[in-house]
N, C-alpha and C. Protein backbone atom coordinates (compact mmCIF):
# COMPACT_ATOMS: atom_id res chain seq x y z
N MET A 1 -19.43 53.87 81.71
CA MET A 1 -19.96 52.61 82.08
C MET A 1 -19.34 52.09 81.14
N ASN A 2 -18.59 51.19 81.54
CA ASN A 2 -17.84 49.87 80.58
C ASN A 2 -17.82 48.91 79.55
N MET A 3 -17.90 49.58 78.08
CA MET A 3 -18.31 48.98 77.48
C MET A 3 -17.80 47.69 76.69
N ASN A 4 -16.40 47.05 77.25
CA ASN A 4 -16.74 46.21 77.26
C ASN A 4 -17.80 44.75 77.66
N ILE A 5 -18.35 45.39 78.13
CA ILE A 5 -19.59 43.58 78.90
C ILE A 5 -20.69 43.79 77.65
N ILE A 6 -21.05 43.72 77.55
CA ILE A 6 -22.17 43.16 77.05
C ILE A 6 -23.39 41.67 77.97
N THR A 7 -24.10 42.25 77.30
CA THR A 7 -25.40 41.29 77.82
C THR A 7 -25.55 40.29 77.22
N PHE A 8 -26.98 39.27 78.34
CA PHE A 8 -26.59 38.19 78.13
C PHE A 8 -27.19 37.80 76.59
N GLN A 9 -28.37 38.78 75.91
CA GLN A 9 -29.17 39.08 75.21
C GLN A 9 -28.16 38.80 73.78
N GLU A 10 -26.78 39.91 74.00
CA GLU A 10 -26.21 40.64 72.99
C GLU A 10 -25.02 38.64 72.73
N TYR A 11 -24.60 38.35 74.13
CA TYR A 11 -23.88 37.17 73.64
C TYR A 11 -24.62 36.07 73.43
N LEU A 12 -25.91 35.62 73.14
CA LEU A 12 -26.91 34.90 72.44
C LEU A 12 -26.96 35.48 71.24
N THR A 13 -27.46 36.05 70.92
CA THR A 13 -27.25 37.18 69.52
C THR A 13 -25.63 36.60 68.62
N GLY A 14 -24.89 37.41 69.43
CA GLY A 14 -23.86 36.31 68.86
C GLY A 14 -23.36 34.85 68.04
N ILE A 15 -23.69 34.18 69.63
CA ILE A 15 -23.67 32.80 68.95
C ILE A 15 -24.82 32.32 67.99
N LYS A 16 -25.98 32.73 67.74
CA LYS A 16 -27.53 32.51 66.78
C LYS A 16 -26.46 32.83 65.82
N ASN A 17 -25.66 34.34 65.02
CA ASN A 17 -25.25 34.79 64.07
C ASN A 17 -23.66 34.05 63.78
N TYR A 18 -23.11 33.63 64.96
CA TYR A 18 -21.78 31.91 64.55
C TYR A 18 -22.53 30.99 63.99
N LEU A 19 -23.28 30.59 64.64
CA LEU A 19 -24.15 28.98 64.10
C LEU A 19 -24.93 29.43 62.74
N THR A 20 -25.41 30.61 62.26
CA THR A 20 -26.25 30.68 61.09
C THR A 20 -24.82 30.82 60.06
N ALA A 21 -23.44 30.94 60.59
CA ALA A 21 -22.64 31.17 59.71
C ALA A 21 -22.36 29.50 59.23
N PHE A 22 -21.83 28.92 60.23
CA PHE A 22 -21.44 27.59 60.32
C PHE A 22 -22.57 26.82 59.78
N GLN A 23 -23.83 26.70 59.24
CA GLN A 23 -24.56 26.21 59.52
C GLN A 23 -24.69 26.91 57.33
N LYS A 24 -24.29 27.87 57.20
CA LYS A 24 -23.92 28.36 55.85
C LYS A 24 -22.88 27.46 55.72
N TYR A 25 -21.47 27.88 56.03
CA TYR A 25 -20.46 26.89 55.65
C TYR A 25 -20.87 25.20 55.34
N LEU A 26 -21.51 24.66 56.07
CA LEU A 26 -21.66 23.53 56.07
C LEU A 26 -22.98 23.40 54.87
N THR A 27 -23.49 24.09 54.76
CA THR A 27 -24.40 23.90 53.55
C THR A 27 -22.92 23.84 52.05
N GLY A 28 -22.62 24.75 52.02
CA GLY A 28 -21.23 24.85 51.38
C GLY A 28 -20.73 23.35 51.07
N VAL A 29 -20.55 23.19 52.15
CA VAL A 29 -19.12 21.63 52.04
C VAL A 29 -20.20 20.59 51.48
N GLU A 30 -21.72 20.46 52.00
CA GLU A 30 -22.16 20.04 51.44
C GLU A 30 -22.98 19.74 49.77
N LYS A 31 -22.63 20.89 49.29
CA LYS A 31 -22.91 20.90 48.58
C LYS A 31 -21.59 20.34 46.99
N TYR A 32 -20.30 20.77 48.02
CA TYR A 32 -19.06 20.68 47.07
C TYR A 32 -18.91 19.17 47.29
N LEU A 33 -19.59 18.82 48.21
CA LEU A 33 -19.63 17.15 48.72
C LEU A 33 -19.79 16.42 47.76
N THR A 34 -21.56 17.09 47.08
CA THR A 34 -22.35 16.31 46.20
C THR A 34 -21.88 16.23 44.81
N ALA A 35 -21.38 17.10 44.50
CA ALA A 35 -20.63 17.76 43.29
C ALA A 35 -19.40 16.72 42.97
N PHE A 36 -18.72 17.27 44.28
CA PHE A 36 -17.75 15.61 43.91
C PHE A 36 -18.36 14.34 43.77
N GLN A 37 -19.37 13.51 44.57
CA GLN A 37 -19.85 12.71 44.45
C GLN A 37 -20.07 12.62 43.05
N LYS A 38 -20.92 13.35 42.23
CA LYS A 38 -20.98 13.44 40.86
C LYS A 38 -20.19 13.14 39.87
N TYR A 39 -18.76 13.61 40.11
CA TYR A 39 -17.98 13.99 39.24
C TYR A 39 -16.70 12.24 39.35
N LEU A 40 -16.69 12.40 40.74
CA LEU A 40 -16.28 10.27 40.99
C LEU A 40 -17.43 9.11 40.01
N THR A 41 -18.45 9.80 40.13
CA THR A 41 -19.83 8.92 39.30
C THR A 41 -19.52 9.14 38.26
N GLY A 42 -19.04 10.54 37.75
CA GLY A 42 -18.56 10.53 35.97
C GLY A 42 -17.36 9.42 35.65
N VAL A 43 -16.46 9.39 36.36
CA VAL A 43 -15.10 8.94 36.49
C VAL A 43 -14.81 7.68 36.48
N GLU A 44 -16.29 6.72 37.31
CA GLU A 44 -16.52 5.49 37.17
C GLU A 44 -17.24 5.39 36.79
N LYS A 45 -17.68 5.95 35.33
CA LYS A 45 -18.42 5.68 34.21
C LYS A 45 -17.56 5.79 33.26
N TYR A 46 -17.16 7.19 33.09
CA TYR A 46 -15.38 6.70 32.10
C TYR A 46 -14.67 5.14 32.08
N LEU A 47 -14.13 4.95 33.21
CA LEU A 47 -13.45 4.09 33.97
C LEU A 47 -13.88 2.27 33.15
N THR A 48 -15.81 2.58 33.09
CA THR A 48 -16.00 1.41 33.17
C THR A 48 -16.20 1.55 31.42
N THR A 49 -16.42 2.24 30.77
CA THR A 49 -16.62 2.20 29.37
C THR A 49 -15.05 2.10 28.77
N PHE A 50 -14.07 2.55 29.19
CA PHE A 50 -13.02 2.43 27.92
C PHE A 50 -12.78 1.00 29.40
N GLN A 51 -12.82 -0.04 30.06
CA GLN A 51 -12.60 -1.27 30.07
C GLN A 51 -13.27 -1.54 29.37
N LYS A 52 -14.30 -1.59 29.31
CA LYS A 52 -15.59 -2.06 28.27
C LYS A 52 -14.21 -2.35 26.61
N TYR A 53 -13.98 -0.89 26.23
CA TYR A 53 -13.38 -0.52 24.90
C TYR A 53 -12.18 -1.94 25.34
N LEU A 54 -11.28 -1.30 26.06
CA LEU A 54 -10.22 -2.04 26.40
C LEU A 54 -10.49 -3.85 25.93
N THR A 55 -11.63 -4.46 26.39
CA THR A 55 -11.94 -5.64 26.88
C THR A 55 -12.25 -5.77 24.87
N GLY A 56 -13.17 -5.43 24.07
CA GLY A 56 -13.35 -4.92 22.82
C GLY A 56 -12.04 -5.14 21.90
N VAL A 57 -10.63 -4.57 22.19
CA VAL A 57 -9.40 -4.35 21.65
C VAL A 57 -9.09 -5.75 21.82
N GLU A 58 -9.00 -6.10 22.78
CA GLU A 58 -8.48 -7.77 23.27
C GLU A 58 -8.96 -8.88 22.74
N LYS A 59 -10.51 -8.73 22.63
CA LYS A 59 -11.48 -9.82 22.33
C LYS A 59 -10.94 -9.95 20.48
N TYR A 60 -10.77 -8.44 20.37
CA TYR A 60 -9.99 -8.92 18.81
C TYR A 60 -8.82 -8.73 18.07
N LEU A 61 -8.19 -8.29 19.19
CA LEU A 61 -6.89 -9.14 19.51
C LEU A 61 -6.72 -10.17 19.11
N THR A 62 -7.86 -10.80 20.42
CA THR A 62 -7.49 -12.76 20.21
C THR A 62 -8.16 -13.28 18.91
N THR A 63 -8.80 -12.68 18.58
CA THR A 63 -9.91 -13.14 17.70
C THR A 63 -8.56 -13.37 16.00
N PHE A 64 -8.19 -11.64 16.01
CA PHE A 64 -7.18 -11.84 15.26
C PHE A 64 -5.70 -12.83 15.34
N GLN A 65 -5.75 -12.92 16.56
CA GLN A 65 -4.15 -14.02 16.83
C GLN A 65 -4.46 -15.53 15.91
N LYS A 66 -6.21 -16.23 16.76
CA LYS A 66 -6.40 -17.12 15.80
C LYS A 66 -6.46 -16.96 14.97
N TYR A 67 -6.93 -16.33 13.65
CA TYR A 67 -7.25 -16.33 12.33
C TYR A 67 -5.42 -16.33 11.76
N LEU A 68 -4.67 -15.58 11.42
CA LEU A 68 -3.16 -15.16 11.97
C LEU A 68 -2.73 -16.94 11.86
N THR A 69 -2.95 -17.42 12.88
CA THR A 69 -2.36 -19.21 13.28
C THR A 69 -3.01 -19.73 12.29
N ARG A 70 -4.16 -19.65 12.35
CA ARG A 70 -5.10 -20.37 10.91
C ARG A 70 -4.12 -20.28 9.45
N ILE A 71 -4.04 -18.78 9.17
CA ILE A 71 -3.16 -18.79 7.80
C ILE A 71 -1.69 -19.09 8.10
N GLU A 72 -1.14 -18.97 9.50
CA GLU A 72 0.18 -19.78 8.69
C GLU A 72 -0.04 -20.91 9.23
N ASN A 73 -0.64 -21.75 9.52
CA ASN A 73 -0.85 -23.60 9.44
C ASN A 73 -1.84 -23.94 7.69
N ASP A 74 -2.20 -22.69 7.31
CA ASP A 74 -2.76 -23.08 6.36
C ASP A 74 -2.56 -22.34 5.16
N PRO A 75 -1.46 -22.72 4.18
CA PRO A 75 -0.79 -21.56 3.22
C PRO A 75 -2.53 -21.44 2.61
N LYS A 76 -3.13 -23.23 2.17
CA LYS A 76 -4.28 -22.62 0.74
C LYS A 76 -5.15 -21.42 1.59
N ILE A 77 -5.36 -20.85 2.62
CA ILE A 77 -5.92 -19.74 2.68
C ILE A 77 -5.49 -18.32 2.48
N THR A 78 -4.20 -18.60 2.68
CA THR A 78 -3.80 -17.27 2.80
C THR A 78 -4.21 -17.24 1.00
N GLU A 79 -3.54 -18.06 0.25
CA GLU A 79 -3.67 -18.09 -1.23
C GLU A 79 -5.23 -18.10 -1.92
N LEU A 80 -6.45 -18.61 -1.14
CA LEU A 80 -7.25 -18.32 -1.51
C LEU A 80 -8.09 -16.72 -1.52
N HIS A 81 -7.47 -16.58 0.33
CA HIS A 81 -7.67 -14.89 0.31
C HIS A 81 -7.11 -14.14 -0.66
N TYR A 82 -5.71 -14.02 -0.73
CA TYR A 82 -5.76 -13.09 -1.75
C TYR A 82 -5.87 -12.92 -2.68
N ARG A 83 -6.56 -14.11 -3.45
CA ARG A 83 -6.78 -14.35 -5.17
C ARG A 83 -8.45 -14.11 -4.93
N ASP A 84 -9.14 -13.69 -4.17
CA ASP A 84 -10.63 -13.38 -4.11
C ASP A 84 -10.61 -11.96 -3.35
N LEU A 85 -9.24 -11.82 -2.83
CA LEU A 85 -8.79 -10.04 -2.74
C LEU A 85 -9.09 -9.62 -4.16
N THR A 86 -8.07 -10.24 -4.75
CA THR A 86 -7.33 -9.07 -6.01
C THR A 86 -8.50 -9.57 -7.26
N ASP A 87 -9.41 -10.48 -6.58
CA ASP A 87 -10.92 -10.58 -8.32
C ASP A 87 -11.20 -8.74 -8.14
N LYS A 88 -11.07 -8.50 -9.39
CA LYS A 88 -11.66 -7.07 -9.33
C LYS A 88 -13.23 -6.96 -9.38
N GLU A 89 -13.56 -8.16 -10.17
CA GLU A 89 -14.94 -8.24 -10.18
C GLU A 89 -16.06 -8.84 -9.35
N GLN A 90 -15.75 -9.12 -8.00
CA GLN A 90 -16.21 -9.86 -6.75
C GLN A 90 -16.07 -8.91 -6.32
N TYR A 91 -15.02 -8.19 -6.28
CA TYR A 91 -15.15 -7.21 -4.84
C TYR A 91 -14.67 -5.83 -6.01
N ALA A 92 -15.81 -5.30 -5.97
CA ALA A 92 -15.50 -3.82 -6.58
C ALA A 92 -15.64 -2.65 -5.75
N LEU A 93 -14.64 -1.64 -5.83
CA LEU A 93 -14.18 -1.22 -4.34
C LEU A 93 -15.55 0.25 -4.03
N LYS A 94 -15.96 -0.04 -2.72
CA LYS A 94 -16.78 0.95 -2.56
C LYS A 94 -16.18 2.29 -1.16
N LEU A 95 -15.97 3.58 -1.43
CA LEU A 95 -15.04 4.09 -1.40
C LEU A 95 -16.01 4.90 -0.31
N ASP A 96 -16.03 4.86 1.38
CA ASP A 96 -16.85 6.16 1.83
C ASP A 96 -15.82 7.74 1.09
N ASP A 97 -17.07 8.39 1.22
CA ASP A 97 -16.33 9.73 1.18
C ASP A 97 -15.03 10.20 1.65
N TYR A 98 -15.21 9.95 2.77
CA TYR A 98 -13.94 11.06 3.33
C TYR A 98 -12.75 10.28 3.47
N GLU A 99 -12.74 7.90 2.70
CA GLU A 99 -11.98 6.99 2.19
C GLU A 99 -11.24 7.89 0.50
N ALA A 100 -12.67 8.01 0.10
CA ALA A 100 -12.12 8.52 -0.97
C ALA A 100 -11.66 10.03 -1.07
N ALA A 101 -11.90 11.11 -0.46
CA ALA A 101 -11.09 12.35 -0.20
C ALA A 101 -9.34 11.79 0.06
N LEU A 102 -9.32 10.53 0.93
CA LEU A 102 -7.89 10.73 1.37
C LEU A 102 -7.59 9.37 0.50
N GLN A 103 -7.87 9.24 -0.55
CA GLN A 103 -7.88 8.36 -1.59
C GLN A 103 -7.04 7.07 -1.33
N PHE A 104 -7.94 6.55 -0.32
CA PHE A 104 -7.50 5.00 -0.21
C PHE A 104 -7.58 4.05 -1.38
N THR A 105 -6.53 3.32 -1.54
CA THR A 105 -6.47 2.32 -2.15
C THR A 105 -6.03 0.59 -1.09
N PRO A 106 -6.83 0.21 -1.68
CA PRO A 106 -6.60 -1.61 -1.29
C PRO A 106 -5.27 -2.18 -1.64
N LYS A 107 -4.67 -2.20 -0.50
CA LYS A 107 -3.18 -2.90 -0.62
C LYS A 107 -2.64 -3.54 0.24
N TRP A 108 -1.81 -4.56 0.33
CA TRP A 108 -1.17 -5.80 1.41
C TRP A 108 -0.22 -5.18 1.61
N VAL A 109 0.32 -4.49 2.76
CA VAL A 109 1.11 -3.96 3.26
C VAL A 109 1.32 -4.45 4.71
N SER A 110 3.25 -4.60 4.77
CA SER A 110 3.20 -5.34 6.80
C SER A 110 2.92 -4.09 7.75
N ILE A 111 3.00 -4.65 8.66
CA ILE A 111 2.23 -4.56 10.21
C ILE A 111 2.87 -2.68 9.94
N ASN A 112 4.61 -2.25 9.98
CA ASN A 112 4.93 -1.80 9.86
C ASN A 112 5.29 -0.39 8.79
N GLU A 113 4.87 -1.04 7.62
CA GLU A 113 4.55 -0.25 6.77
C GLU A 113 2.92 0.31 6.83
N ALA A 114 2.06 0.55 7.40
CA ALA A 114 0.64 0.69 7.88
C ALA A 114 0.78 1.50 8.72
N ILE A 115 1.01 0.94 10.33
CA ILE A 115 1.78 2.05 11.22
C ILE A 115 2.70 3.16 10.58
N VAL A 116 3.69 3.17 9.56
CA VAL A 116 4.05 4.48 9.27
C VAL A 116 3.15 5.92 8.14
N GLN A 117 2.52 5.08 7.66
CA GLN A 117 1.30 5.73 6.83
C GLN A 117 0.49 5.81 7.16
N ASN A 118 -0.14 5.48 8.35
CA ASN A 118 -0.51 6.34 9.47
C ASN A 118 -0.57 7.53 10.40
N ASN A 119 0.52 7.32 10.50
CA ASN A 119 1.41 8.56 11.25
C ASN A 119 1.60 9.43 10.64
N LYS A 120 1.83 9.45 8.87
CA LYS A 120 1.77 10.54 8.01
C LYS A 120 0.31 11.38 8.34
N ILE A 121 -0.88 9.88 8.08
CA ILE A 121 -1.75 10.55 8.33
C ILE A 121 -2.48 11.60 9.08
N ILE A 122 -1.96 10.77 10.63
CA ILE A 122 -2.43 11.69 11.36
C ILE A 122 -1.70 13.39 11.82
N ASN A 123 -0.73 13.31 11.28
CA ASN A 123 0.25 14.50 11.27
C ASN A 123 -0.76 15.69 10.40
N GLU A 124 -1.76 14.67 9.22
CA GLU A 124 -2.05 15.76 8.33
C GLU A 124 -3.58 15.59 8.14
N VAL A 125 -3.79 15.38 8.92
CA VAL A 125 -5.55 15.08 9.42
C VAL A 125 -6.41 15.47 10.47
N GLU A 126 -6.63 16.91 10.17
CA GLU A 126 -6.96 17.18 11.59
C GLU A 126 -8.18 16.10 12.11
N GLN A 127 -9.00 15.74 11.89
CA GLN A 127 -9.73 14.44 12.42
C GLN A 127 -9.44 13.44 12.38
N ASN A 128 -8.52 12.58 12.85
CA ASN A 128 -8.33 11.64 13.30
C ASN A 128 -7.78 10.23 13.75
N SER A 129 -9.13 10.41 14.70
CA SER A 129 -8.95 9.42 15.95
C SER A 129 -9.40 7.94 15.43
N TRP A 130 -9.98 7.81 14.54
CA TRP A 130 -10.25 6.08 13.61
C TRP A 130 -8.54 5.87 13.30
N VAL A 131 -8.15 6.94 13.23
CA VAL A 131 -6.22 6.43 12.51
C VAL A 131 -5.88 6.17 13.27
N LYS A 132 -5.52 6.75 14.80
CA LYS A 132 -5.08 7.17 15.94
C LYS A 132 -5.17 4.98 16.91
N ARG A 133 -6.44 4.97 16.71
CA ARG A 133 -7.09 4.31 17.31
C ARG A 133 -6.74 2.43 16.63
N GLU A 134 -6.22 2.97 15.11
CA GLU A 134 -5.90 1.87 14.16
C GLU A 134 -4.62 1.53 14.45
N ASN A 135 -4.12 2.96 14.68
CA ASN A 135 -2.32 2.20 15.28
C ASN A 135 -1.90 1.50 16.40
N TYR A 136 -3.00 1.89 17.36
CA TYR A 136 -2.60 1.53 18.75
C TYR A 136 -3.59 0.04 18.78
N VAL A 137 -4.18 -0.60 17.50
CA VAL A 137 -4.71 -1.81 17.63
C VAL A 137 -3.09 -2.52 16.56
N LEU A 138 -2.72 -1.49 15.64
CA LEU A 138 -1.23 -2.50 14.46
C LEU A 138 -0.68 -2.49 15.45
N ASN A 139 -0.21 -1.50 16.53
CA ASN A 139 1.25 -1.51 17.46
C ASN A 139 1.06 -2.63 18.82
N GLU A 140 0.03 -3.38 19.06
CA GLU A 140 -0.51 -4.36 19.91
C GLU A 140 -0.65 -5.21 19.35
N LEU A 141 -0.81 -5.45 18.38
CA LEU A 141 -0.94 -7.06 17.59
C LEU A 141 0.70 -7.06 16.75
N LYS A 142 1.10 -6.05 16.84
CA LYS A 142 2.74 -6.09 16.24
C LYS A 142 3.26 -6.92 17.63
N LYS A 143 3.26 -6.12 18.82
CA LYS A 143 4.22 -6.77 19.62
C LYS A 143 3.51 -8.25 20.64
N SER A 144 2.14 -8.42 19.76
CA SER A 144 2.22 -9.96 20.10
C SER A 144 2.17 -11.08 18.85
N LEU A 145 2.62 -10.68 17.79
CA LEU A 145 3.55 -11.13 16.72
C LEU A 145 5.10 -11.43 17.78
N LYS A 146 5.34 -11.12 18.36
CA LYS A 146 7.26 -10.96 18.64
C LYS A 146 7.01 -12.69 19.00
């Protein structure tokens, strides 16, 4: 008897096994696509949040630019703000704990000086995301003033 000949029943069983394996494969692909869709949704949410952040930065820069223009056009404002900010009795220094730990002191400096000082802090302090954000805004402000 020839062993290469299979019965119709064996043939159908083979097809059934193939279809079962293929169904498992398709289920795996479906799970992968579902997970990938969730990932894309997460990326979309991140991008939306980042866009809102950039819009906020843009609004801040626009407002600050208007403020600077106002100061440039009215020297009395500069004098008034400077006098008010140097009045120690009116504005007592109230530092947060981290500001006291970093020995913050109020001081008028140029944008470049602030960026240099912030870069020192970035290199010295491990948790410094707020300084990085501030430097980003200062650099954008610097570009807009050119």
